[in-house]
Amino acid sequence: MTETPDMEGGASRPSLPAPVRWIEAAFAAAAALLLFAMMAMTFVDVLGRYIFNHPLGFAFEMTQIAMGAMVLCAIPSVTLRGQHVTAGLFEDAFKGGWKSMRDIFVALAICLCCVFMAWRLSLLAARFVSFGDRTSVVHFPIGIVAWLGVVCFVVSALAAFFVAVRALAKGGSQ
């Protein structure tokens, strides 16, 4: 594997295999497109509200749906890059092999949590679809967003497992 500069502090990290890069890029692009759509819709809503006195009636509801979908689409990329919100209270307490063991343990814990979230969300998604739950204004099926969440959590679990395997290989080569 080749080394690429990391975004934080210029340190280098191993580059990702092409399929992993493509999957990560697809989810990051989906999150970016959703963010852009929310921004454009808010712009049109505000413009319509204050200039033409005619706001978009569905903007608030669609922003809520897009915000949830955006967060879900960002989770695989965040997991793969290890950019979760963290508190580095014990960062200096782990050195060498212990640091690798900690990284493996954390990645596997994230993997298990993502699998659990995917399982629970799949039960809710199935319920949403079976009941025909829809939003109140646009009548958008809520089950679609829930199933998107299931897919994103499964991919995040795979990303966390990939991170654990990579940490194990890195720990074994030291």
N, C-alpha and C. Protein backbone atom coordinates (compact mmCIF):
# COMPACT_ATOMS: atom_id res chain seq x y z
N MET A 1 0.84 -1.17 0.00
CA MET A 1 0.00 0.00 0.00
C MET A 1 0.88 1.24 0.00
N THR A 2 0.41 2.26 -0.65
CA THR A 2 1.14 3.52 -0.66
C THR A 2 0.66 4.39 0.49
N GLU A 3 1.49 5.34 0.85
CA GLU A 3 1.14 6.25 1.93
C GLU A 3 0.57 7.53 1.33
N THR A 4 -0.47 8.06 1.95
CA THR A 4 -1.03 9.34 1.53
C THR A 4 -1.07 10.27 2.72
N PRO A 5 -0.94 11.58 2.49
CA PRO A 5 -0.99 12.49 3.63
C PRO A 5 -2.38 12.50 4.26
N ASP A 6 -2.38 12.50 5.56
CA ASP A 6 -3.63 12.55 6.30
C ASP A 6 -4.05 14.01 6.42
N MET A 7 -5.34 14.23 6.58
CA MET A 7 -5.83 15.60 6.67
C MET A 7 -5.46 16.24 8.00
N GLU A 8 -5.25 15.46 9.01
CA GLU A 8 -4.96 16.00 10.33
C GLU A 8 -3.47 15.96 10.61
N GLY A 9 -2.83 17.11 10.63
CA GLY A 9 -1.45 17.20 11.04
C GLY A 9 -0.44 16.73 10.01
N GLY A 10 -0.86 16.38 8.81
CA GLY A 10 0.07 16.00 7.76
C GLY A 10 0.69 14.62 7.93
N ALA A 11 0.22 13.85 8.90
CA ALA A 11 0.77 12.50 9.09
C ALA A 11 0.34 11.63 7.91
N SER A 12 1.05 10.54 7.69
CA SER A 12 0.67 9.69 6.57
C SER A 12 -0.10 8.48 7.07
N ARG A 13 -0.97 7.99 6.21
CA ARG A 13 -1.75 6.79 6.51
C ARG A 13 -1.81 5.95 5.26
N PRO A 14 -1.99 4.64 5.40
CA PRO A 14 -2.06 3.79 4.20
C PRO A 14 -3.26 4.17 3.35
N SER A 15 -3.09 4.19 2.04
CA SER A 15 -4.22 4.48 1.16
C SER A 15 -5.17 3.29 1.18
N LEU A 16 -6.40 3.57 0.85
CA LEU A 16 -7.43 2.54 0.89
C LEU A 16 -7.49 1.79 -0.44
N PRO A 17 -7.89 0.53 -0.43
CA PRO A 17 -8.08 -0.19 -1.69
C PRO A 17 -9.16 0.50 -2.53
N ALA A 18 -9.07 0.36 -3.83
CA ALA A 18 -9.98 1.06 -4.75
C ALA A 18 -11.46 0.82 -4.45
N PRO A 19 -11.93 -0.43 -4.22
CA PRO A 19 -13.37 -0.60 -3.95
C PRO A 19 -13.81 0.14 -2.68
N VAL A 20 -12.96 0.14 -1.67
CA VAL A 20 -13.30 0.83 -0.42
C VAL A 20 -13.37 2.34 -0.68
N ARG A 21 -12.41 2.86 -1.46
CA ARG A 21 -12.42 4.29 -1.80
C ARG A 21 -13.68 4.66 -2.55
N TRP A 22 -14.11 3.82 -3.50
CA TRP A 22 -15.30 4.12 -4.30
C TRP A 22 -16.56 4.11 -3.44
N ILE A 23 -16.68 3.15 -2.56
CA ILE A 23 -17.86 3.08 -1.69
C ILE A 23 -17.88 4.28 -0.75
N GLU A 24 -16.73 4.58 -0.17
CA GLU A 24 -16.65 5.73 0.73
C GLU A 24 -16.98 7.02 -0.01
N ALA A 25 -16.47 7.16 -1.23
CA ALA A 25 -16.74 8.36 -2.02
C ALA A 25 -18.22 8.46 -2.38
N ALA A 26 -18.86 7.35 -2.66
CA ALA A 26 -20.28 7.36 -3.01
C ALA A 26 -21.13 7.85 -1.84
N PHE A 27 -20.84 7.36 -0.63
CA PHE A 27 -21.61 7.80 0.53
C PHE A 27 -21.30 9.25 0.88
N ALA A 28 -20.04 9.66 0.75
CA ALA A 28 -19.68 11.06 1.01
C ALA A 28 -20.35 11.97 -0.01
N ALA A 29 -20.38 11.55 -1.27
CA ALA A 29 -21.02 12.36 -2.32
C ALA A 29 -22.53 12.47 -2.07
N ALA A 30 -23.15 11.37 -1.65
CA ALA A 30 -24.59 11.41 -1.34
C ALA A 30 -24.86 12.38 -0.21
N ALA A 31 -24.03 12.36 0.83
CA ALA A 31 -24.20 13.29 1.94
C ALA A 31 -24.01 14.73 1.47
N ALA A 32 -23.02 14.96 0.61
CA ALA A 32 -22.77 16.30 0.10
C ALA A 32 -23.92 16.79 -0.77
N LEU A 33 -24.46 15.91 -1.60
CA LEU A 33 -25.61 16.30 -2.44
C LEU A 33 -26.84 16.62 -1.60
N LEU A 34 -27.05 15.85 -0.56
CA LEU A 34 -28.18 16.14 0.33
C LEU A 34 -27.99 17.47 1.04
N LEU A 35 -26.77 17.75 1.46
CA LEU A 35 -26.48 19.03 2.11
C LEU A 35 -26.72 20.18 1.13
N PHE A 36 -26.26 20.03 -0.13
CA PHE A 36 -26.47 21.07 -1.13
C PHE A 36 -27.97 21.25 -1.41
N ALA A 37 -28.72 20.15 -1.49
CA ALA A 37 -30.16 20.24 -1.74
C ALA A 37 -30.86 20.98 -0.60
N MET A 38 -30.45 20.69 0.64
CA MET A 38 -31.04 21.40 1.78
C MET A 38 -30.74 22.89 1.71
N MET A 39 -29.50 23.22 1.35
CA MET A 39 -29.10 24.62 1.25
C MET A 39 -29.91 25.32 0.16
N ALA A 40 -30.03 24.70 -1.01
CA ALA A 40 -30.77 25.30 -2.12
C ALA A 40 -32.26 25.46 -1.76
N MET A 41 -32.82 24.43 -1.14
CA MET A 41 -34.23 24.50 -0.76
C MET A 41 -34.47 25.59 0.28
N THR A 42 -33.57 25.73 1.23
CA THR A 42 -33.70 26.79 2.24
C THR A 42 -33.57 28.16 1.59
N PHE A 43 -32.65 28.30 0.64
CA PHE A 43 -32.49 29.56 -0.08
C PHE A 43 -33.78 29.92 -0.82
N VAL A 44 -34.34 28.98 -1.56
CA VAL A 44 -35.58 29.23 -2.30
C VAL A 44 -36.73 29.52 -1.34
N ASP A 45 -36.78 28.80 -0.22
CA ASP A 45 -37.83 29.03 0.77
C ASP A 45 -37.74 30.43 1.36
N VAL A 46 -36.55 30.84 1.74
CA VAL A 46 -36.38 32.18 2.32
C VAL A 46 -36.66 33.25 1.27
N LEU A 47 -36.17 33.05 0.06
CA LEU A 47 -36.43 34.00 -1.03
C LEU A 47 -37.94 34.12 -1.28
N GLY A 48 -38.61 32.97 -1.35
CA GLY A 48 -40.05 33.00 -1.55
C GLY A 48 -40.81 33.62 -0.41
N ARG A 49 -40.34 33.38 0.80
CA ARG A 49 -41.02 33.89 1.99
C ARG A 49 -40.92 35.41 2.09
N TYR A 50 -39.71 35.95 1.91
CA TYR A 50 -39.50 37.37 2.17
C TYR A 50 -39.59 38.26 0.93
N ILE A 51 -39.38 37.74 -0.25
CA ILE A 51 -39.45 38.55 -1.46
C ILE A 51 -40.83 38.43 -2.11
N PHE A 52 -41.31 37.19 -2.25
CA PHE A 52 -42.58 36.96 -2.96
C PHE A 52 -43.74 36.64 -2.04
N ASN A 53 -43.50 36.61 -0.74
CA ASN A 53 -44.52 36.29 0.26
C ASN A 53 -45.21 34.96 -0.06
N HIS A 54 -44.41 33.98 -0.54
CA HIS A 54 -44.95 32.67 -0.87
C HIS A 54 -43.87 31.61 -0.59
N PRO A 55 -43.75 31.15 0.68
CA PRO A 55 -42.72 30.16 1.01
C PRO A 55 -43.06 28.78 0.44
N LEU A 56 -42.07 27.92 0.41
CA LEU A 56 -42.31 26.52 0.04
C LEU A 56 -43.02 25.84 1.20
N GLY A 57 -44.13 25.25 0.95
CA GLY A 57 -44.90 24.62 2.02
C GLY A 57 -44.28 23.34 2.54
N PHE A 58 -43.42 22.75 1.75
CA PHE A 58 -42.85 21.45 2.12
C PHE A 58 -41.41 21.55 2.58
N ALA A 59 -40.84 22.75 2.61
CA ALA A 59 -39.40 22.89 2.88
C ALA A 59 -39.00 22.36 4.25
N PHE A 60 -39.77 22.67 5.28
CA PHE A 60 -39.42 22.24 6.63
C PHE A 60 -39.40 20.71 6.72
N GLU A 61 -40.43 20.08 6.17
CA GLU A 61 -40.52 18.62 6.23
C GLU A 61 -39.41 17.96 5.41
N MET A 62 -39.14 18.46 4.23
CA MET A 62 -38.10 17.88 3.39
C MET A 62 -36.71 18.12 3.98
N THR A 63 -36.53 19.25 4.66
CA THR A 63 -35.25 19.50 5.33
C THR A 63 -35.03 18.49 6.45
N GLN A 64 -36.07 18.17 7.18
CA GLN A 64 -35.96 17.16 8.23
C GLN A 64 -35.56 15.80 7.65
N ILE A 65 -36.21 15.40 6.58
CA ILE A 65 -35.91 14.12 5.96
C ILE A 65 -34.49 14.12 5.41
N ALA A 66 -34.12 15.21 4.70
CA ALA A 66 -32.79 15.29 4.10
C ALA A 66 -31.70 15.34 5.17
N MET A 67 -31.97 15.98 6.30
CA MET A 67 -30.98 16.05 7.38
C MET A 67 -30.72 14.64 7.94
N GLY A 68 -31.78 13.89 8.17
CA GLY A 68 -31.60 12.51 8.64
C GLY A 68 -30.86 11.66 7.64
N ALA A 69 -31.23 11.77 6.36
CA ALA A 69 -30.57 10.99 5.32
C ALA A 69 -29.11 11.40 5.17
N MET A 70 -28.83 12.70 5.31
CA MET A 70 -27.45 13.17 5.19
C MET A 70 -26.57 12.60 6.30
N VAL A 71 -27.08 12.64 7.51
CA VAL A 71 -26.31 12.10 8.64
C VAL A 71 -26.07 10.60 8.44
N LEU A 72 -27.10 9.89 8.02
CA LEU A 72 -26.95 8.46 7.79
C LEU A 72 -25.93 8.17 6.69
N CYS A 73 -25.96 8.94 5.61
CA CYS A 73 -25.01 8.73 4.50
C CYS A 73 -23.58 9.08 4.90
N ALA A 74 -23.41 9.96 5.87
CA ALA A 74 -22.07 10.36 6.30
C ALA A 74 -21.44 9.34 7.25
N ILE A 75 -22.24 8.53 7.91
CA ILE A 75 -21.72 7.60 8.91
C ILE A 75 -20.66 6.63 8.36
N PRO A 76 -20.85 6.00 7.19
CA PRO A 76 -19.80 5.10 6.70
C PRO A 76 -18.46 5.80 6.48
N SER A 77 -18.49 6.99 5.92
CA SER A 77 -17.26 7.73 5.67
C SER A 77 -16.58 8.13 6.98
N VAL A 78 -17.37 8.59 7.92
CA VAL A 78 -16.82 8.99 9.22
C VAL A 78 -16.21 7.78 9.93
N THR A 79 -16.87 6.64 9.84
CA THR A 79 -16.37 5.42 10.47
C THR A 79 -15.06 4.97 9.84
N LEU A 80 -15.02 4.97 8.52
CA LEU A 80 -13.82 4.52 7.82
C LEU A 80 -12.63 5.43 8.10
N ARG A 81 -12.87 6.71 8.18
CA ARG A 81 -11.79 7.67 8.42
C ARG A 81 -11.44 7.82 9.91
N GLY A 82 -12.26 7.25 10.78
CA GLY A 82 -12.02 7.38 12.21
C GLY A 82 -12.20 8.81 12.70
N GLN A 83 -13.17 9.52 12.14
CA GLN A 83 -13.37 10.92 12.48
C GLN A 83 -14.59 11.14 13.37
N HIS A 84 -14.91 10.13 14.17
CA HIS A 84 -15.99 10.28 15.14
C HIS A 84 -15.59 11.33 16.16
N VAL A 85 -16.57 11.90 16.83
CA VAL A 85 -16.29 12.82 17.92
C VAL A 85 -15.70 11.99 19.06
N THR A 86 -14.53 12.38 19.51
CA THR A 86 -13.85 11.62 20.56
C THR A 86 -13.33 12.55 21.64
N ALA A 87 -13.05 11.98 22.78
CA ALA A 87 -12.38 12.68 23.87
C ALA A 87 -11.09 11.93 24.14
N GLY A 88 -9.97 12.57 23.92
CA GLY A 88 -8.68 11.91 24.04
C GLY A 88 -8.11 11.95 25.45
N LEU A 89 -8.91 11.55 26.43
CA LEU A 89 -8.48 11.61 27.82
C LEU A 89 -7.31 10.66 28.09
N PHE A 90 -7.31 9.50 27.46
CA PHE A 90 -6.30 8.49 27.74
C PHE A 90 -5.42 8.23 26.52
N GLU A 91 -5.34 9.17 25.62
CA GLU A 91 -4.60 9.00 24.37
C GLU A 91 -3.12 8.67 24.64
N ASP A 92 -2.52 9.33 25.60
CA ASP A 92 -1.11 9.10 25.90
C ASP A 92 -0.86 7.87 26.77
N ALA A 93 -1.92 7.26 27.28
CA ALA A 93 -1.77 6.09 28.15
C ALA A 93 -1.45 4.82 27.37
N PHE A 94 -1.70 4.82 26.07
CA PHE A 94 -1.50 3.63 25.25
C PHE A 94 -0.32 3.83 24.32
N LYS A 95 0.61 2.89 24.35
CA LYS A 95 1.79 2.93 23.48
C LYS A 95 1.98 1.57 22.84
N GLY A 96 2.56 1.56 21.64
CA GLY A 96 2.93 0.32 20.97
C GLY A 96 1.78 -0.63 20.75
N GLY A 97 1.96 -1.86 21.23
CA GLY A 97 0.96 -2.91 21.05
C GLY A 97 -0.34 -2.62 21.76
N TRP A 98 -0.26 -1.93 22.89
CA TRP A 98 -1.48 -1.57 23.62
C TRP A 98 -2.34 -0.61 22.81
N LYS A 99 -1.68 0.29 22.10
CA LYS A 99 -2.41 1.23 21.24
C LYS A 99 -3.13 0.47 20.12
N SER A 100 -2.45 -0.49 19.53
CA SER A 100 -3.07 -1.30 18.49
C SER A 100 -4.25 -2.10 19.04
N MET A 101 -4.08 -2.68 20.24
CA MET A 101 -5.18 -3.43 20.86
C MET A 101 -6.37 -2.52 21.14
N ARG A 102 -6.09 -1.31 21.62
CA ARG A 102 -7.16 -0.35 21.87
C ARG A 102 -7.89 -0.02 20.57
N ASP A 103 -7.15 0.25 19.50
CA ASP A 103 -7.75 0.59 18.21
C ASP A 103 -8.61 -0.55 17.68
N ILE A 104 -8.13 -1.78 17.84
CA ILE A 104 -8.90 -2.95 17.40
C ILE A 104 -10.17 -3.08 18.22
N PHE A 105 -10.05 -2.94 19.54
CA PHE A 105 -11.20 -3.04 20.43
C PHE A 105 -12.25 -1.98 20.09
N VAL A 106 -11.82 -0.74 19.89
CA VAL A 106 -12.75 0.35 19.59
C VAL A 106 -13.43 0.10 18.24
N ALA A 107 -12.66 -0.31 17.24
CA ALA A 107 -13.24 -0.57 15.92
C ALA A 107 -14.26 -1.71 15.98
N LEU A 108 -13.95 -2.77 16.73
CA LEU A 108 -14.90 -3.88 16.85
C LEU A 108 -16.14 -3.48 17.65
N ALA A 109 -15.97 -2.62 18.65
CA ALA A 109 -17.12 -2.11 19.40
C ALA A 109 -18.02 -1.28 18.49
N ILE A 110 -17.42 -0.44 17.66
CA ILE A 110 -18.20 0.34 16.70
C ILE A 110 -18.91 -0.59 15.72
N CYS A 111 -18.22 -1.62 15.27
CA CYS A 111 -18.81 -2.60 14.35
C CYS A 111 -20.04 -3.25 14.98
N LEU A 112 -19.91 -3.71 16.21
CA LEU A 112 -21.04 -4.34 16.89
C LEU A 112 -22.19 -3.38 17.11
N CYS A 113 -21.89 -2.15 17.47
CA CYS A 113 -22.93 -1.13 17.66
C CYS A 113 -23.66 -0.85 16.35
N CYS A 114 -22.93 -0.78 15.26
CA CYS A 114 -23.55 -0.54 13.95
C CYS A 114 -24.42 -1.71 13.53
N VAL A 115 -23.98 -2.93 13.80
CA VAL A 115 -24.79 -4.11 13.49
C VAL A 115 -26.08 -4.08 14.31
N PHE A 116 -25.96 -3.76 15.59
CA PHE A 116 -27.14 -3.67 16.46
C PHE A 116 -28.10 -2.60 15.95
N MET A 117 -27.57 -1.42 15.60
CA MET A 117 -28.40 -0.33 15.10
C MET A 117 -29.09 -0.73 13.78
N ALA A 118 -28.36 -1.42 12.90
CA ALA A 118 -28.95 -1.86 11.64
C ALA A 118 -30.09 -2.85 11.90
N TRP A 119 -29.88 -3.76 12.82
CA TRP A 119 -30.91 -4.75 13.14
C TRP A 119 -32.15 -4.07 13.70
N ARG A 120 -31.96 -3.19 14.68
CA ARG A 120 -33.12 -2.52 15.30
C ARG A 120 -33.84 -1.62 14.30
N LEU A 121 -33.07 -0.91 13.49
CA LEU A 121 -33.68 -0.02 12.50
C LEU A 121 -34.40 -0.82 11.42
N SER A 122 -33.90 -2.01 11.11
CA SER A 122 -34.59 -2.84 10.11
C SER A 122 -35.98 -3.26 10.62
N LEU A 123 -36.08 -3.51 11.92
CA LEU A 123 -37.39 -3.84 12.49
C LEU A 123 -38.35 -2.66 12.39
N LEU A 124 -37.83 -1.46 12.69
CA LEU A 124 -38.65 -0.26 12.56
C LEU A 124 -39.01 0.02 11.11
N ALA A 125 -38.05 -0.14 10.21
CA ALA A 125 -38.30 0.12 8.79
C ALA A 125 -39.39 -0.81 8.26
N ALA A 126 -39.32 -2.06 8.64
CA ALA A 126 -40.34 -3.01 8.20
C ALA A 126 -41.72 -2.60 8.73
N ARG A 127 -41.75 -2.12 9.96
CA ARG A 127 -43.01 -1.64 10.53
C ARG A 127 -43.53 -0.41 9.79
N PHE A 128 -42.62 0.54 9.50
CA PHE A 128 -43.03 1.74 8.77
C PHE A 128 -43.63 1.37 7.41
N VAL A 129 -42.99 0.44 6.72
CA VAL A 129 -43.48 0.03 5.40
C VAL A 129 -44.81 -0.71 5.53
N SER A 130 -44.91 -1.61 6.50
CA SER A 130 -46.16 -2.38 6.64
C SER A 130 -47.34 -1.50 7.04
N PHE A 131 -47.09 -0.46 7.84
CA PHE A 131 -48.17 0.45 8.24
C PHE A 131 -48.41 1.53 7.20
N GLY A 132 -47.48 1.68 6.23
CA GLY A 132 -47.63 2.72 5.22
C GLY A 132 -47.38 4.12 5.76
N ASP A 133 -46.51 4.24 6.77
CA ASP A 133 -46.23 5.54 7.37
C ASP A 133 -45.64 6.50 6.35
N ARG A 134 -46.18 7.72 6.34
CA ARG A 134 -45.74 8.77 5.43
C ARG A 134 -45.67 10.08 6.18
N THR A 135 -44.92 11.02 5.61
CA THR A 135 -44.85 12.35 6.22
C THR A 135 -46.19 13.05 6.01
N SER A 136 -46.45 14.09 6.79
CA SER A 136 -47.77 14.70 6.77
C SER A 136 -48.02 15.64 5.60
N VAL A 137 -47.02 16.32 5.09
CA VAL A 137 -47.23 17.31 4.03
C VAL A 137 -46.98 16.71 2.65
N VAL A 138 -45.81 16.13 2.43
CA VAL A 138 -45.43 15.62 1.12
C VAL A 138 -45.87 14.16 0.94
N HIS A 139 -46.21 13.50 2.01
CA HIS A 139 -46.59 12.09 2.01
C HIS A 139 -45.44 11.20 1.51
N PHE A 140 -44.23 11.54 1.94
CA PHE A 140 -43.03 10.78 1.59
C PHE A 140 -42.98 9.55 2.48
N PRO A 141 -42.77 8.35 1.93
CA PRO A 141 -42.72 7.14 2.77
C PRO A 141 -41.51 7.14 3.70
N ILE A 142 -41.79 7.07 4.98
CA ILE A 142 -40.72 7.11 6.00
C ILE A 142 -39.87 5.85 5.94
N GLY A 143 -40.45 4.76 5.51
CA GLY A 143 -39.71 3.49 5.43
C GLY A 143 -38.49 3.58 4.53
N ILE A 144 -38.54 4.41 3.49
CA ILE A 144 -37.39 4.56 2.59
C ILE A 144 -36.19 5.10 3.35
N VAL A 145 -36.41 6.12 4.17
CA VAL A 145 -35.31 6.70 4.95
C VAL A 145 -34.81 5.70 5.98
N ALA A 146 -35.72 4.95 6.58
CA ALA A 146 -35.32 3.94 7.56
C ALA A 146 -34.48 2.84 6.90
N TRP A 147 -34.88 2.38 5.71
CA TRP A 147 -34.09 1.35 5.02
C TRP A 147 -32.76 1.92 4.56
N LEU A 148 -32.71 3.20 4.19
CA LEU A 148 -31.42 3.84 3.89
C LEU A 148 -30.52 3.78 5.12
N GLY A 149 -31.10 4.02 6.28
CA GLY A 149 -30.34 3.94 7.52
C GLY A 149 -29.80 2.54 7.77
N VAL A 150 -30.59 1.53 7.47
CA VAL A 150 -30.13 0.14 7.63
C VAL A 150 -28.91 -0.11 6.75
N VAL A 151 -29.01 0.31 5.48
CA VAL A 151 -27.89 0.12 4.56
C VAL A 151 -26.66 0.87 5.06
N CYS A 152 -26.85 2.10 5.50
CA CYS A 152 -25.71 2.90 5.97
C CYS A 152 -25.06 2.29 7.21
N PHE A 153 -25.86 1.76 8.13
CA PHE A 153 -25.30 1.13 9.32
C PHE A 153 -24.58 -0.18 8.98
N VAL A 154 -25.09 -0.93 8.02
CA VAL A 154 -24.41 -2.16 7.60
C VAL A 154 -23.06 -1.81 6.97
N VAL A 155 -23.05 -0.81 6.09
CA VAL A 155 -21.80 -0.39 5.46
C VAL A 155 -20.84 0.16 6.53
N SER A 156 -21.37 0.87 7.51
CA SER A 156 -20.53 1.38 8.60
C SER A 156 -19.94 0.24 9.42
N ALA A 157 -20.72 -0.80 9.65
CA ALA A 157 -20.20 -1.97 10.36
C ALA A 157 -19.06 -2.61 9.58
N LEU A 158 -19.25 -2.72 8.27
CA LEU A 158 -18.17 -3.26 7.42
C LEU A 158 -16.95 -2.36 7.44
N ALA A 159 -17.18 -1.05 7.44
CA ALA A 159 -16.06 -0.11 7.50
C ALA A 159 -15.31 -0.25 8.82
N ALA A 160 -16.04 -0.38 9.92
CA ALA A 160 -15.40 -0.55 11.22
C ALA A 160 -14.63 -1.86 11.28
N PHE A 161 -15.18 -2.91 10.70
CA PHE A 161 -14.47 -4.19 10.65
C PHE A 161 -13.20 -4.06 9.83
N PHE A 162 -13.27 -3.34 8.71
CA PHE A 162 -12.10 -3.09 7.87
C PHE A 162 -11.04 -2.34 8.67
N VAL A 163 -11.46 -1.34 9.45
CA VAL A 163 -10.53 -0.58 10.28
C VAL A 163 -9.88 -1.49 11.32
N ALA A 164 -10.66 -2.40 11.91
CA ALA A 164 -10.12 -3.33 12.90
C ALA A 164 -9.09 -4.27 12.27
N VAL A 165 -9.41 -4.79 11.09
CA VAL A 165 -8.47 -5.69 10.39
C VAL A 165 -7.20 -4.94 10.04
N ARG A 166 -7.35 -3.71 9.56
CA ARG A 166 -6.17 -2.91 9.22
C ARG A 166 -5.34 -2.60 10.46
N ALA A 167 -5.99 -2.33 11.60
CA ALA A 167 -5.26 -2.09 12.85
C ALA A 167 -4.56 -3.36 13.31
N LEU A 168 -5.21 -4.51 13.12
CA LEU A 168 -4.60 -5.79 13.49
C LEU A 168 -3.36 -6.05 12.62
N ALA A 169 -3.47 -5.80 11.33
CA ALA A 169 -2.32 -6.00 10.43
C ALA A 169 -1.20 -5.02 10.76
N LYS A 170 -1.56 -3.80 11.09
CA LYS A 170 -0.55 -2.79 11.45
C LYS A 170 0.12 -3.16 12.78
N GLY A 171 -0.69 -3.65 13.72
CA GLY A 171 -0.14 -4.05 15.03
C GLY A 171 0.77 -5.27 14.92
N GLY A 172 0.45 -6.17 14.00
CA GLY A 172 1.26 -7.37 13.81
C GLY A 172 2.56 -7.10 13.09
N SER A 173 2.62 -5.99 12.35
CA SER A 173 3.84 -5.69 11.60
C SER A 173 4.83 -4.85 12.40
N GLN A 174 4.45 -4.46 13.62
CA GLN A 174 5.37 -3.64 14.44
C GLN A 174 6.35 -4.48 15.20
